[in-house]
Amino acid sequence: MTYVLVTGGAGYIGSHACKALKLAGYTPVTYDNLVTGWQDAVKFGPFERGELTDRARLDEVFAKYQPAAVMHFAALSQVGEAMSQPGRYWANNVGGSLCLIEAAVHAGCMNFVFSSTCATYGEHDNVVLDEATPQKPLNAYGASKRAVEDILGDFEAAYGLRSVIFRYFNVAGADPEAEVGEFHQPETHLIPLMIQAIRGERAALTVFGTDYDTPDGTCIRDYVHVCDLVDAHVLGLKWLENGKGSRVFNLGTGSGFSVREVIDHSRAVTNQEVPYSVGDRRAGDCTKLVSGSTRASEELGWEPKRSTLEKMIADAWQWHQVGQYER
């Protein structure tokens, strides 16, 4: 039995990764403190509760399962909070990741798949971002993720730890079989916010700014289906297992959709109106953010199969009818 330690495996992306790993023949071991994750989302392998900063607990889990690899999702990830409480992000995202990386090396677990973000690039408005785009993060979230990327490079030079780093854009959708899905408290992502407005769980969706230099005046973002995203992580794991070197990959579709396009598609998919109001622009929001992902396609053989707005919205809509987690 081949174990993979999945930090944050009780969260949105981590739980989908656990299912993908299980389907690929691995046994995922979820390591999560359940602060933002959900016990109900742990369905595909053992669960170990713990903090990233608890080295003794990490050593215990590594010794118990002797995982072949680490898939690291656990992190604080709210940009607004990162700007107002940067210390939390440096302590948790960097301090916790450093503790995890040290524990992995100590245990001889030398394959590491890391969940990074396009926020490491900072503001490059109306530019298609590829892996060579300069990294100039604007807040402690992006900066902390970039710092972990740097740590992984240093640990490769010193100890031979090999890593695959994924920088991704707007993740959306849910498991088509509705076993796991996206459920945050509070929610901040466009599609689940829109679904909440349709279902009457909030008064309305707020569209922040309609005067951007885009065809319909609203921001454009690159959306990738969560199942496509985690498929790439399994491919990244196999890349390392096959003895290939450390690599960075962007994950996105290479095209984008505006906020109004997402609303229009939601109306078509759900056959219901989307209550929304228009607010002012948010500080730091770029006009257009789109990923250049040819490296992932060419080198990993990654092909996003569900990353259409119709499928992302339909899968999320289906999950929200049946699957809200409880503490």
C-alpha atoms as a PDB file:
ATOM      1  CA  MET A   1       0.000   0.000   0.000  1.00  0.00           C
ATOM      2  CA  THR A   2       1.433   3.370  -1.059  1.00  0.00           C
ATOM      3  CA  TYR A   3       0.526   6.175   1.327  1.00  0.00           C
ATOM      4  CA  VAL A   4       0.552   9.870   0.399  1.00  0.00           C
ATOM      5  CA  LEU A   5       0.362  12.438   3.212  1.00  0.00           C
ATOM      6  CA  VAL A   6      -2.170  15.125   2.224  1.00  0.00           C
ATOM      7  CA  THR A   7      -2.055  18.229   4.395  1.00  0.00           C
ATOM      8  CA  GLY A   8      -5.321  20.129   4.281  1.00  0.00           C
ATOM      9  CA  GLY A   9      -7.034  16.986   3.016  1.00  0.00           C
ATOM     10  CA  ALA A  10     -10.269  17.993   4.780  1.00  0.00           C
ATOM     11  CA  GLY A  11     -10.504  21.201   2.754  1.00  0.00           C
ATOM     12  CA  TYR A  12     -11.941  21.957  -0.660  1.00  0.00           C
ATOM     13  CA  ILE A  13      -9.047  21.119  -2.974  1.00  0.00           C
ATOM     14  CA  GLY A  14      -7.412  18.650  -0.573  1.00  0.00           C
ATOM     15  CA  SER A  15     -10.520  16.472  -0.290  1.00  0.00           C
ATOM     16  CA  HIS A  16     -10.823  16.277  -4.073  1.00  0.00           C
ATOM     17  CA  ALA A  17      -7.122  15.389  -4.242  1.00  0.00           C
ATOM     18  CA  CYS A  18      -7.708  12.552  -1.783  1.00  0.00           C
ATOM     19  CA  LYS A  19     -10.413  11.111  -4.020  1.00  0.00           C
ATOM     20  CA  ALA A  20      -8.168  11.417  -7.094  1.00  0.00           C
ATOM     21  CA  LEU A  21      -5.321   9.700  -5.246  1.00  0.00           C
ATOM     22  CA  LYS A  22      -7.610   6.876  -4.135  1.00  0.00           C
ATOM     23  CA  LEU A  23      -8.806   6.354  -7.711  1.00  0.00           C
ATOM     24  CA  ALA A  24      -5.176   6.310  -8.873  1.00  0.00           C
ATOM     25  CA  GLY A  25      -4.310   3.477  -6.469  1.00  0.00           C
ATOM     26  CA  TYR A  26      -2.783   5.438  -3.574  1.00  0.00           C
ATOM     27  CA  THR A  27      -4.016   5.678   0.006  1.00  0.00           C
ATOM     28  CA  PRO A  28      -4.292   9.326   1.046  1.00  0.00           C
ATOM     29  CA  VAL A  29      -3.632  10.170   4.690  1.00  0.00           C
ATOM     30  CA  THR A  30      -5.361  13.427   5.583  1.00  0.00           C
ATOM     31  CA  TYR A  31      -3.459  15.648   8.026  1.00  0.00           C
ATOM     32  CA  ASP A  32      -5.646  18.590   9.045  1.00  0.00           C
ATOM     33  CA  ASN A  33      -6.436  20.692  12.106  1.00  0.00           C
ATOM     34  CA  LEU A  34     -10.103  21.151  11.001  1.00  0.00           C
ATOM     35  CA  VAL A  35      -9.968  24.915  11.531  1.00  0.00           C
ATOM     36  CA  THR A  36     -11.193  25.508   7.989  1.00  0.00           C
ATOM     37  CA  GLY A  37     -11.490  21.874   6.877  1.00  0.00           C
ATOM     38  CA  TRP A  38     -14.348  19.457   7.518  1.00  0.00           C
ATOM     39  CA  GLN A  39     -14.323  16.013   9.087  1.00  0.00           C
ATOM     40  CA  ASP A  40     -17.193  15.078   6.744  1.00  0.00           C
ATOM     41  CA  ALA A  41     -14.897  15.623   3.757  1.00  0.00           C
ATOM     42  CA  VAL A  42     -12.460  12.891   4.856  1.00  0.00           C
ATOM     43  CA  LYS A  43     -13.792   9.861   2.986  1.00  0.00           C
ATOM     44  CA  PHE A  44     -10.955   8.239   1.080  1.00  0.00           C
ATOM     45  CA  GLY A  45      -8.309   7.228   3.618  1.00  0.00           C
ATOM     46  CA  PRO A  46      -7.107   7.624   7.214  1.00  0.00           C
ATOM     47  CA  PHE A  47      -7.411  10.898   9.118  1.00  0.00           C
ATOM     48  CA  GLU A  48      -4.781  12.318  11.446  1.00  0.00           C
ATOM     49  CA  ARG A  49      -5.570  15.539  13.263  1.00  0.00           C
ATOM     50  CA  GLY A  50      -2.685  17.882  13.903  1.00  0.00           C
ATOM     51  CA  GLU A  51      -1.014  21.243  13.397  1.00  0.00           C
ATOM     52  CA  LEU A  52       1.624  21.920  10.771  1.00  0.00           C
ATOM     53  CA  THR A  53       3.776  23.507  13.458  1.00  0.00           C
ATOM     54  CA  ASP A  54       3.661  20.424  15.714  1.00  0.00           C
ATOM     55  CA  ARG A  55       6.891  18.652  14.774  1.00  0.00           C
ATOM     56  CA  ALA A  56       6.403  15.798  17.238  1.00  0.00           C
ATOM     57  CA  ARG A  57       2.955  15.059  15.808  1.00  0.00           C
ATOM     58  CA  LEU A  58       4.284  15.197  12.245  1.00  0.00           C
ATOM     59  CA  ASP A  59       7.140  12.835  13.119  1.00  0.00           C
ATOM     60  CA  GLU A  60       4.597  10.433  14.632  1.00  0.00           C
ATOM     61  CA  VAL A  61       2.457  10.457  11.466  1.00  0.00           C
ATOM     62  CA  PHE A  62       5.447  10.037   9.143  1.00  0.00           C
ATOM     63  CA  ALA A  63       6.670   7.080  11.228  1.00  0.00           C
ATOM     64  CA  LYS A  64       3.217   5.471  11.294  1.00  0.00           C
ATOM     65  CA  TYR A  65       2.551   5.561   7.538  1.00  0.00           C
ATOM     66  CA  GLN A  66       5.987   6.064   5.940  1.00  0.00           C
ATOM     67  CA  PRO A  67       4.396   7.969   3.036  1.00  0.00           C
ATOM     68  CA  ALA A  68       5.991   7.914  -0.397  1.00  0.00           C
ATOM     69  CA  ALA A  69       5.188  11.594  -0.908  1.00  0.00           C
ATOM     70  CA  VAL A  70       3.644  14.709   0.594  1.00  0.00           C
ATOM     71  CA  MET A  71       0.885  16.680  -1.115  1.00  0.00           C
ATOM     72  CA  HIS A  72       0.760  20.008   0.720  1.00  0.00           C
ATOM     73  CA  PHE A  73      -2.455  22.060   0.537  1.00  0.00           C
ATOM     74  CA  ALA A  74      -2.859  23.315   4.107  1.00  0.00           C
ATOM     75  CA  ALA A  75      -2.593  27.113   4.283  1.00  0.00           C
ATOM     76  CA  LEU A  76      -4.382  30.295   5.199  1.00  0.00           C
ATOM     77  CA  SER A  77      -5.568  31.801   1.919  1.00  0.00           C
ATOM     78  CA  GLN A  78      -7.731  34.924   2.363  1.00  0.00           C
ATOM     79  CA  VAL A  79      -6.123  37.928   0.680  1.00  0.00           C
ATOM     80  CA  GLY A  80      -7.951  40.538   2.775  1.00  0.00           C
ATOM     81  CA  GLU A  81      -6.957  38.812   5.994  1.00  0.00           C
ATOM     82  CA  ALA A  82      -3.392  38.453   4.725  1.00  0.00           C
ATOM     83  CA  MET A  83      -3.208  42.219   4.280  1.00  0.00           C
ATOM     84  CA  SER A  84      -4.610  42.991   7.743  1.00  0.00           C
ATOM     85  CA  GLN A  85      -2.926  40.123   9.659  1.00  0.00           C
ATOM     86  CA  PRO A  86       0.326  39.346   7.821  1.00  0.00           C
ATOM     87  CA  GLY A  87       1.931  37.774  10.873  1.00  0.00           C
ATOM     88  CA  ARG A  88      -0.603  34.919  10.858  1.00  0.00           C
ATOM     89  CA  TYR A  89       0.285  34.134   7.267  1.00  0.00           C
ATOM     90  CA  TRP A  90       4.026  34.120   7.784  1.00  0.00           C
ATOM     91  CA  ALA A  91       3.711  32.034  10.950  1.00  0.00           C
ATOM     92  CA  ASN A  92       1.246  29.504   9.536  1.00  0.00           C
ATOM     93  CA  ASN A  93       2.064  29.281   5.838  1.00  0.00           C
ATOM     94  CA  VAL A  94       5.834  29.636   6.103  1.00  0.00           C
ATOM     95  CA  GLY A  95       6.531  28.389   9.629  1.00  0.00           C
ATOM     96  CA  GLY A  96       4.159  25.445   9.264  1.00  0.00           C
ATOM     97  CA  SER A  97       5.479  24.523   5.821  1.00  0.00           C
ATOM     98  CA  LEU A  98       9.075  24.680   7.032  1.00  0.00           C
ATOM     99  CA  CYS A  99       8.217  22.332   9.903  1.00  0.00           C
ATOM    100  CA  LEU A 100       6.492  19.948   7.477  1.00  0.00           C
ATOM    101  CA  ILE A 101       9.395  20.008   5.010  1.00  0.00           C
ATOM    102  CA  GLU A 102      11.923  19.336   7.771  1.00  0.00           C
ATOM    103  CA  ALA A 103       9.814  16.423   9.042  1.00  0.00           C
ATOM    104  CA  ALA A 104       9.536  14.979   5.531  1.00  0.00           C
ATOM    105  CA  VAL A 105      13.294  15.102   4.958  1.00  0.00           C
ATOM    106  CA  HIS A 106      13.953  13.631   8.394  1.00  0.00           C
ATOM    107  CA  ALA A 107      11.608  10.726   7.507  1.00  0.00           C
ATOM    108  CA  GLY A 108      13.256  10.203   4.124  1.00  0.00           C
ATOM    109  CA  CYS A 109      10.105  11.263   2.255  1.00  0.00           C
ATOM    110  CA  MET A 110      11.759  13.086  -0.627  1.00  0.00           C
ATOM    111  CA  ASN A 111       8.869  13.685  -3.064  1.00  0.00           C
ATOM    112  CA  PHE A 112       6.868  16.842  -2.381  1.00  0.00           C
ATOM    113  CA  VAL A 113       3.910  18.291  -4.321  1.00  0.00           C
ATOM    114  CA  PHE A 114       3.131  21.870  -3.304  1.00  0.00           C
ATOM    115  CA  SER A 115      -0.026  23.900  -3.795  1.00  0.00           C
ATOM    116  CA  SER A 116       1.108  27.415  -4.684  1.00  0.00           C
ATOM    117  CA  THR A 117      -0.782  30.276  -6.327  1.00  0.00           C
ATOM    118  CA  CYS A 118      -0.804  32.860  -9.079  1.00  0.00           C
ATOM    119  CA  ALA A 119      -0.745  35.415  -6.236  1.00  0.00           C
ATOM    120  CA  THR A 120       3.044  34.958  -6.213  1.00  0.00           C
ATOM    121  CA  TYR A 121       3.129  36.897  -9.504  1.00  0.00           C
ATOM    122  CA  GLY A 122       1.484  40.005  -8.105  1.00  0.00           C
ATOM    123  CA  GLU A 123      -0.011  42.588 -10.444  1.00  0.00           C
ATOM    124  CA  HIS A 124       0.621  41.984 -14.140  1.00  0.00           C
ATOM    125  CA  ASP A 125      -2.618  43.342 -15.508  1.00  0.00           C
ATOM    126  CA  ASN A 126      -3.842  42.086 -18.890  1.00  0.00           C
ATOM    127  CA  VAL A 127      -0.824  39.792 -19.267  1.00  0.00           C
ATOM    128  CA  VAL A 128      -1.003  36.038 -19.839  1.00  0.00           C
ATOM    129  CA  LEU A 129       1.074  34.685 -16.968  1.00  0.00           C
ATOM    130  CA  ASP A 130       3.506  31.841 -17.513  1.00  0.00           C
ATOM    131  CA  GLU A 131       6.034  30.196 -15.225  1.00  0.00           C
ATOM    132  CA  ALA A 132       8.734  32.711 -16.206  1.00  0.00           C
ATOM    133  CA  THR A 133       6.660  35.770 -15.245  1.00  0.00           C
ATOM    134  CA  PRO A 134       8.471  37.702 -12.467  1.00  0.00           C
ATOM    135  CA  GLN A 135       7.122  37.010  -8.990  1.00  0.00           C
ATOM    136  CA  LYS A 136       6.176  40.219  -7.200  1.00  0.00           C
ATOM    137  CA  PRO A 137       3.494  39.302  -4.642  1.00  0.00           C
ATOM    138  CA  LEU A 138       1.368  42.120  -3.270  1.00  0.00           C
ATOM    139  CA  ASN A 139       0.397  40.635   0.093  1.00  0.00           C
ATOM    140  CA  ALA A 140       1.449  38.144   2.753  1.00  0.00           C
ATOM    141  CA  TYR A 141      -0.548  35.329   1.155  1.00  0.00           C
ATOM    142  CA  GLY A 142       1.332  35.462  -2.138  1.00  0.00           C
ATOM    143  CA  ALA A 143       4.607  36.280  -0.401  1.00  0.00           C
ATOM    144  CA  SER A 144       4.283  33.354   1.993  1.00  0.00           C
ATOM    145  CA  LYS A 145       3.635  30.937  -0.868  1.00  0.00           C
ATOM    146  CA  ARG A 146       6.657  32.263  -2.758  1.00  0.00           C
ATOM    147  CA  ALA A 147       8.751  31.840   0.388  1.00  0.00           C
ATOM    148  CA  VAL A 148       7.766  28.168   0.610  1.00  0.00           C
ATOM    149  CA  GLU A 149       8.777  27.728  -3.029  1.00  0.00           C
ATOM    150  CA  ASP A 150      12.179  29.162  -2.080  1.00  0.00           C
ATOM    151  CA  ILE A 151      12.452  26.834   0.926  1.00  0.00           C
ATOM    152  CA  LEU A 152      11.777  23.836  -1.293  1.00  0.00           C
ATOM    153  CA  GLY A 153      14.589  24.944  -3.593  1.00  0.00           C
ATOM    154  CA  ASP A 154      16.997  25.288  -0.675  1.00  0.00           C
ATOM    155  CA  PHE A 155      16.067  21.848   0.669  1.00  0.00           C
ATOM    156  CA  GLU A 156      16.637  20.319  -2.733  1.00  0.00           C
ATOM    157  CA  ALA A 157      20.124  21.824  -2.867  1.00  0.00           C
ATOM    158  CA  ALA A 158      20.941  20.677   0.663  1.00  0.00           C
ATOM    159  CA  TYR A 159      19.189  17.310   0.938  1.00  0.00           C
ATOM    160  CA  GLY A 160      17.909  16.255  -2.487  1.00  0.00           C
ATOM    161  CA  LEU A 161      14.217  16.897  -1.767  1.00  0.00           C
ATOM    162  CA  ARG A 162      12.410  17.043  -5.113  1.00  0.00           C
ATOM    163  CA  SER A 163       9.240  19.029  -5.625  1.00  0.00           C
ATOM    164  CA  VAL A 164       6.533  19.798  -8.124  1.00  0.00           C
ATOM    165  CA  ILE A 165       5.010  23.233  -7.537  1.00  0.00           C
ATOM    166  CA  PHE A 166       1.615  24.154  -8.967  1.00  0.00           C
ATOM    167  CA  ARG A 167       0.627  27.811  -9.291  1.00  0.00           C
ATOM    168  CA  TYR A 168      -3.058  27.991 -10.026  1.00  0.00           C
ATOM    169  CA  PHE A 169      -5.719  30.514 -10.654  1.00  0.00           C
ATOM    170  CA  ASN A 170      -9.459  30.421  -9.880  1.00  0.00           C
ATOM    171  CA  VAL A 171     -10.501  26.930  -8.823  1.00  0.00           C
ATOM    172  CA  ALA A 172     -14.193  26.089  -9.208  1.00  0.00           C
ATOM    173  CA  GLY A 173     -16.660  23.229  -9.472  1.00  0.00           C
ATOM    174  CA  ALA A 174     -17.070  20.091  -7.400  1.00  0.00           C
ATOM    175  CA  ASP A 175     -16.866  16.317  -7.587  1.00  0.00           C
ATOM    176  CA  PRO A 176     -19.386  15.263 -10.290  1.00  0.00           C
ATOM    177  CA  GLU A 177     -20.519  12.440  -7.997  1.00  0.00           C
ATOM    178  CA  ALA A 178     -21.151  15.001  -5.210  1.00  0.00           C
ATOM    179  CA  GLU A 179     -19.110  13.109  -2.611  1.00  0.00           C
ATOM    180  CA  VAL A 180     -17.123  16.256  -1.782  1.00  0.00           C
ATOM    181  CA  GLY A 181     -17.496  19.898  -2.759  1.00  0.00           C
ATOM    182  CA  GLU A 182     -16.700  23.507  -1.983  1.00  0.00           C
ATOM    183  CA  PHE A 183     -17.949  24.820   1.347  1.00  0.00           C
ATOM    184  CA  HIS A 184     -16.199  27.693   3.118  1.00  0.00           C
ATOM    185  CA  GLN A 185     -17.303  29.708   6.122  1.00  0.00           C
ATOM    186  CA  PRO A 186     -17.267  32.533   5.261  1.00  0.00           C
ATOM    187  CA  GLU A 187     -17.511  31.958   1.532  1.00  0.00           C
ATOM    188  CA  THR A 188     -15.461  34.231  -0.757  1.00  0.00           C
ATOM    189  CA  HIS A 189     -15.490  32.510  -4.175  1.00  0.00           C
ATOM    190  CA  LEU A 190     -17.704  33.701  -7.010  1.00  0.00           C
ATOM    191  CA  ILE A 191     -19.561  30.530  -8.048  1.00  0.00           C
ATOM    192  CA  PRO A 192     -20.572  29.333  -4.555  1.00  0.00           C
ATOM    193  CA  LEU A 193     -21.507  32.917  -3.625  1.00  0.00           C
ATOM    194  CA  MET A 194     -23.710  33.025  -6.695  1.00  0.00           C
ATOM    195  CA  ILE A 195     -25.292  29.690  -5.824  1.00  0.00           C
ATOM    196  CA  GLN A 196     -25.990  30.939  -2.300  1.00  0.00           C
ATOM    197  CA  ALA A 197     -27.751  33.979  -3.798  1.00  0.00           C
ATOM    198  CA  ILE A 198     -29.845  31.760  -6.091  1.00  0.00           C
ATOM    199  CA  ARG A 199     -30.781  29.508  -3.150  1.00  0.00           C
ATOM    200  CA  GLY A 200     -31.743  32.488  -0.984  1.00  0.00           C
ATOM    201  CA  GLU A 201     -28.905  31.858   1.487  1.00  0.00           C
ATOM    202  CA  ARG A 202     -27.699  35.428   0.972  1.00  0.00           C
ATOM    203  CA  ALA A 203     -29.599  38.479  -0.231  1.00  0.00           C
ATOM    204  CA  ALA A 204     -27.597  38.960  -3.420  1.00  0.00           C
ATOM    205  CA  LEU A 205     -24.258  38.490  -5.095  1.00  0.00           C
ATOM    206  CA  THR A 206     -22.139  41.655  -5.219  1.00  0.00           C
ATOM    207  CA  VAL A 207     -20.399  42.441  -8.507  1.00  0.00           C
ATOM    208  CA  PHE A 208     -17.389  44.559  -7.617  1.00  0.00           C
ATOM    209  CA  GLY A 209     -16.965  47.046 -10.429  1.00  0.00           C
ATOM    210  CA  THR A 210     -18.541  47.247 -13.887  1.00  0.00           C
ATOM    211  CA  ASP A 211     -16.192  49.831 -15.431  1.00  0.00           C
ATOM    212  CA  TYR A 212     -13.160  47.663 -16.235  1.00  0.00           C
ATOM    213  CA  ASP A 213     -11.631  47.690 -19.709  1.00  0.00           C
ATOM    214  CA  THR A 214     -13.277  44.414 -20.756  1.00  0.00           C
ATOM    215  CA  PRO A 215     -16.087  43.713 -23.237  1.00  0.00           C
ATOM    216  CA  ASP A 216     -18.763  43.842 -20.527  1.00  0.00           C
ATOM    217  CA  GLY A 217     -16.974  45.982 -17.934  1.00  0.00           C
ATOM    218  CA  THR A 218     -16.410  43.231 -15.354  1.00  0.00           C
ATOM    219  CA  CYS A 219     -13.178  41.477 -14.346  1.00  0.00           C
ATOM    220  CA  ILE A 220     -11.965  38.445 -16.280  1.00  0.00           C
ATOM    221  CA  ARG A 221     -10.495  35.431 -14.516  1.00  0.00           C
ATOM    222  CA  ASP A 222      -9.186  32.029 -15.574  1.00  0.00           C
ATOM    223  CA  TYR A 223     -11.285  29.250 -14.012  1.00  0.00           C
ATOM    224  CA  VAL A 224     -10.141  25.634 -13.726  1.00  0.00           C
ATOM    225  CA  HIS A 225     -12.301  22.756 -12.518  1.00  0.00           C
ATOM    226  CA  VAL A 226     -11.145  21.345  -9.197  1.00  0.00           C
ATOM    227  CA  CYS A 227     -11.155  17.797 -10.616  1.00  0.00           C
ATOM    228  CA  ASP A 228      -8.869  18.850 -13.468  1.00  0.00           C
ATOM    229  CA  LEU A 229      -6.655  20.594 -10.941  1.00  0.00           C
ATOM    230  CA  VAL A 230      -6.216  17.548  -8.713  1.00  0.00           C
ATOM    231  CA  ASP A 231      -5.653  15.323 -11.731  1.00  0.00           C
ATOM    232  CA  ALA A 232      -2.619  17.505 -12.416  1.00  0.00           C
ATOM    233  CA  HIS A 233      -1.410  16.882  -8.859  1.00  0.00           C
ATOM    234  CA  VAL A 234      -1.544  13.122  -9.403  1.00  0.00           C
ATOM    235  CA  LEU A 235       0.412  13.602 -12.631  1.00  0.00           C
ATOM    236  CA  GLY A 236       2.916  15.703 -10.672  1.00  0.00           C
ATOM    237  CA  LEU A 237       3.304  12.911  -8.145  1.00  0.00           C
ATOM    238  CA  LYS A 238       3.926  10.396 -10.908  1.00  0.00           C
ATOM    239  CA  TRP A 239       6.442  12.815 -12.438  1.00  0.00           C
ATOM    240  CA  LEU A 240       8.466  12.645  -9.227  1.00  0.00           C
ATOM    241  CA  GLU A 241       8.025   8.881  -8.865  1.00  0.00           C
ATOM    242  CA  ASN A 242       9.474   8.488 -12.350  1.00  0.00           C
ATOM    243  CA  GLY A 243      12.661  10.190 -11.206  1.00  0.00           C
ATOM    244  CA  LYS A 244      12.160  13.510 -12.931  1.00  0.00           C
ATOM    245  CA  GLY A 245      13.455  16.731 -11.430  1.00  0.00           C
ATOM    246  CA  SER A 246      11.759  19.556  -9.577  1.00  0.00           C
ATOM    247  CA  ARG A 247       9.453  21.650 -11.740  1.00  0.00           C
ATOM    248  CA  VAL A 248       6.971  24.527 -11.556  1.00  0.00           C
ATOM    249  CA  PHE A 249       3.691  24.407 -13.467  1.00  0.00           C
ATOM    250  CA  ASN A 250       0.881  26.920 -13.900  1.00  0.00           C
ATOM    251  CA  LEU A 251      -2.614  25.428 -13.942  1.00  0.00           C
ATOM    252  CA  GLY A 252      -5.379  27.149 -15.845  1.00  0.00           C
ATOM    253  CA  THR A 253      -7.197  26.944 -19.140  1.00  0.00           C
ATOM    254  CA  GLY A 254      -5.386  29.758 -20.929  1.00  0.00           C
ATOM    255  CA  SER A 255      -8.643  31.662 -21.384  1.00  0.00           C
ATOM    256  CA  GLY A 256     -10.869  33.633 -19.069  1.00  0.00           C
ATOM    257  CA  PHE A 257     -14.470  34.480 -18.273  1.00  0.00           C
ATOM    258  CA  SER A 258     -15.891  37.736 -16.974  1.00  0.00           C
ATOM    259  CA  VAL A 259     -18.083  37.991 -13.900  1.00  0.00           C
ATOM    260  CA  ARG A 260     -21.086  38.750 -16.093  1.00  0.00           C
ATOM    261  CA  GLU A 261     -20.345  35.698 -18.241  1.00  0.00           C
ATOM    262  CA  VAL A 262     -20.316  33.530 -15.131  1.00  0.00           C
ATOM    263  CA  ILE A 263     -23.678  34.988 -14.075  1.00  0.00           C
ATOM    264  CA  ASP A 264     -25.160  34.462 -17.545  1.00  0.00           C
ATOM    265  CA  HIS A 265     -23.972  30.853 -17.681  1.00  0.00           C
ATOM    266  CA  SER A 266     -25.350  30.233 -14.185  1.00  0.00           C
ATOM    267  CA  ARG A 267     -28.753  31.446 -15.303  1.00  0.00           C
ATOM    268  CA  ALA A 268     -28.634  29.013 -18.219  1.00  0.00           C
ATOM    269  CA  VAL A 269     -27.390  26.052 -16.162  1.00  0.00           C
ATOM    270  CA  THR A 270     -29.706  26.438 -13.165  1.00  0.00           C
ATOM    271  CA  ASN A 271     -32.676  27.960 -15.013  1.00  0.00           C
ATOM    272  CA  GLN A 272     -32.900  30.507 -12.211  1.00  0.00           C
ATOM    273  CA  GLU A 273     -32.161  34.200 -11.957  1.00  0.00           C
ATOM    274  CA  VAL A 274     -29.082  35.340 -10.071  1.00  0.00           C
ATOM    275  CA  PRO A 275     -29.885  38.152  -7.611  1.00  0.00           C
ATOM    276  CA  TYR A 276     -26.974  40.587  -7.714  1.00  0.00           C
ATOM    277  CA  SER A 277     -26.058  44.170  -6.958  1.00  0.00           C
ATOM    278  CA  VAL A 278     -23.197  46.310  -8.197  1.00  0.00           C
ATOM    279  CA  GLY A 279     -20.531  47.549  -5.798  1.00  0.00           C
ATOM    280  CA  ASP A 280     -17.376  49.588  -6.112  1.00  0.00           C
ATOM    281  CA  ARG A 281     -14.128  48.106  -7.356  1.00  0.00           C
ATOM    282  CA  ARG A 282     -12.070  46.324  -4.724  1.00  0.00           C
ATOM    283  CA  ALA A 283      -8.536  47.537  -4.120  1.00  0.00           C
ATOM    284  CA  GLY A 284      -6.012  45.320  -5.869  1.00  0.00           C
ATOM    285  CA  ASP A 285      -8.426  43.671  -8.311  1.00  0.00           C
ATOM    286  CA  CYS A 286      -6.824  43.352 -11.749  1.00  0.00           C
ATOM    287  CA  THR A 287      -8.772  43.689 -14.968  1.00  0.00           C
ATOM    288  CA  LYS A 288      -7.727  40.319 -16.353  1.00  0.00           C
ATOM    289  CA  LEU A 289      -5.763  37.361 -14.970  1.00  0.00           C
ATOM    290  CA  VAL A 290      -5.200  34.434 -17.300  1.00  0.00           C
ATOM    291  CA  SER A 291      -2.790  31.525 -16.978  1.00  0.00           C
ATOM    292  CA  GLY A 292      -0.378  30.251 -19.570  1.00  0.00           C
ATOM    293  CA  SER A 293      -0.411  26.471 -19.017  1.00  0.00           C
ATOM    294  CA  THR A 294       1.339  25.009 -22.039  1.00  0.00           C
ATOM    295  CA  ARG A 295       4.112  23.584 -19.837  1.00  0.00           C
ATOM    296  CA  ALA A 296       1.667  21.444 -17.862  1.00  0.00           C
ATOM    297  CA  SER A 297       0.079  20.180 -21.061  1.00  0.00           C
ATOM    298  CA  GLU A 298       3.338  19.524 -22.879  1.00  0.00           C
ATOM    299  CA  GLU A 299       5.376  18.028 -20.043  1.00  0.00           C
ATOM    300  CA  LEU A 300       2.808  16.407 -17.733  1.00  0.00           C
ATOM    301  CA  GLY A 301       0.307  15.515 -20.425  1.00  0.00           C
ATOM    302  CA  TRP A 302      -2.332  17.398 -18.435  1.00  0.00           C
ATOM    303  CA  GLU A 303      -5.605  18.028 -20.230  1.00  0.00           C
ATOM    304  CA  PRO A 304      -8.386  19.935 -18.438  1.00  0.00           C
ATOM    305  CA  LYS A 305     -11.542  17.990 -19.285  1.00  0.00           C
ATOM    306  CA  ARG A 306     -14.213  19.604 -17.117  1.00  0.00           C
ATOM    307  CA  SER A 307     -13.061  23.239 -17.130  1.00  0.00           C
ATOM    308  CA  THR A 308     -16.005  24.723 -18.988  1.00  0.00           C
ATOM    309  CA  LEU A 309     -18.280  27.151 -17.205  1.00  0.00           C
ATOM    310  CA  GLU A 310     -21.239  24.852 -17.817  1.00  0.00           C
ATOM    311  CA  LYS A 311     -19.596  21.876 -16.115  1.00  0.00           C
ATOM    312  CA  MET A 312     -18.046  23.870 -13.272  1.00  0.00           C
ATOM    313  CA  ILE A 313     -21.353  25.544 -12.427  1.00  0.00           C
ATOM    314  CA  ALA A 314     -23.437  22.388 -12.924  1.00  0.00           C
ATOM    315  CA  ASP A 315     -21.147  20.302 -10.686  1.00  0.00           C
ATOM    316  CA  ALA A 316     -21.107  22.983  -7.988  1.00  0.00           C
ATOM    317  CA  TRP A 317     -24.883  23.415  -8.224  1.00  0.00           C
ATOM    318  CA  GLN A 318     -25.439  19.670  -7.874  1.00  0.00           C
ATOM    319  CA  TRP A 319     -23.198  19.426  -4.825  1.00  0.00           C
ATOM    320  CA  HIS A 320     -24.857  22.367  -3.089  1.00  0.00           C
ATOM    321  CA  GLN A 321     -28.210  20.609  -3.324  1.00  0.00           C
ATOM    322  CA  VAL A 322     -26.984  17.692  -1.208  1.00  0.00           C
ATOM    323  CA  GLY A 323     -23.675  18.358   0.456  1.00  0.00           C
ATOM    324  CA  GLN A 324     -23.105  21.000   3.062  1.00  0.00           C
ATOM    325  CA  TYR A 325     -20.739  19.914   5.818  1.00  0.00           C
ATOM    326  CA  GLU A 326     -21.346  20.232   9.547  1.00  0.00           C
ATOM    327  CA  ARG A 327     -18.897  20.812  12.368  1.00  0.00           C
END
